[in-house]
Amino acid sequence: MPRDTFISWKWFVLFLLVPGLALVAIVFFPITLAVLFWLYYRGKAQASGKHQTETA
């Protein structure tokens, strides 16, 4: 028995979710890289003893 729809709901939901997830990945990937580099250089500066002391 043929279905009444052209595509199933599963494919329709995937069609809606994948572009949204791709946009989230595009936004968060550079932010993640920036945080990782910042942590790396902060740790490198602290290991060499050149870190700034925080004053309250």
Foldseek 3Di string as FASTA:
>chain_A
DDDPDPDDPVVVVCVVVVVVVVVVCVVVVVVVVVVVVVVVVQVVCVVVVNDDDDDD
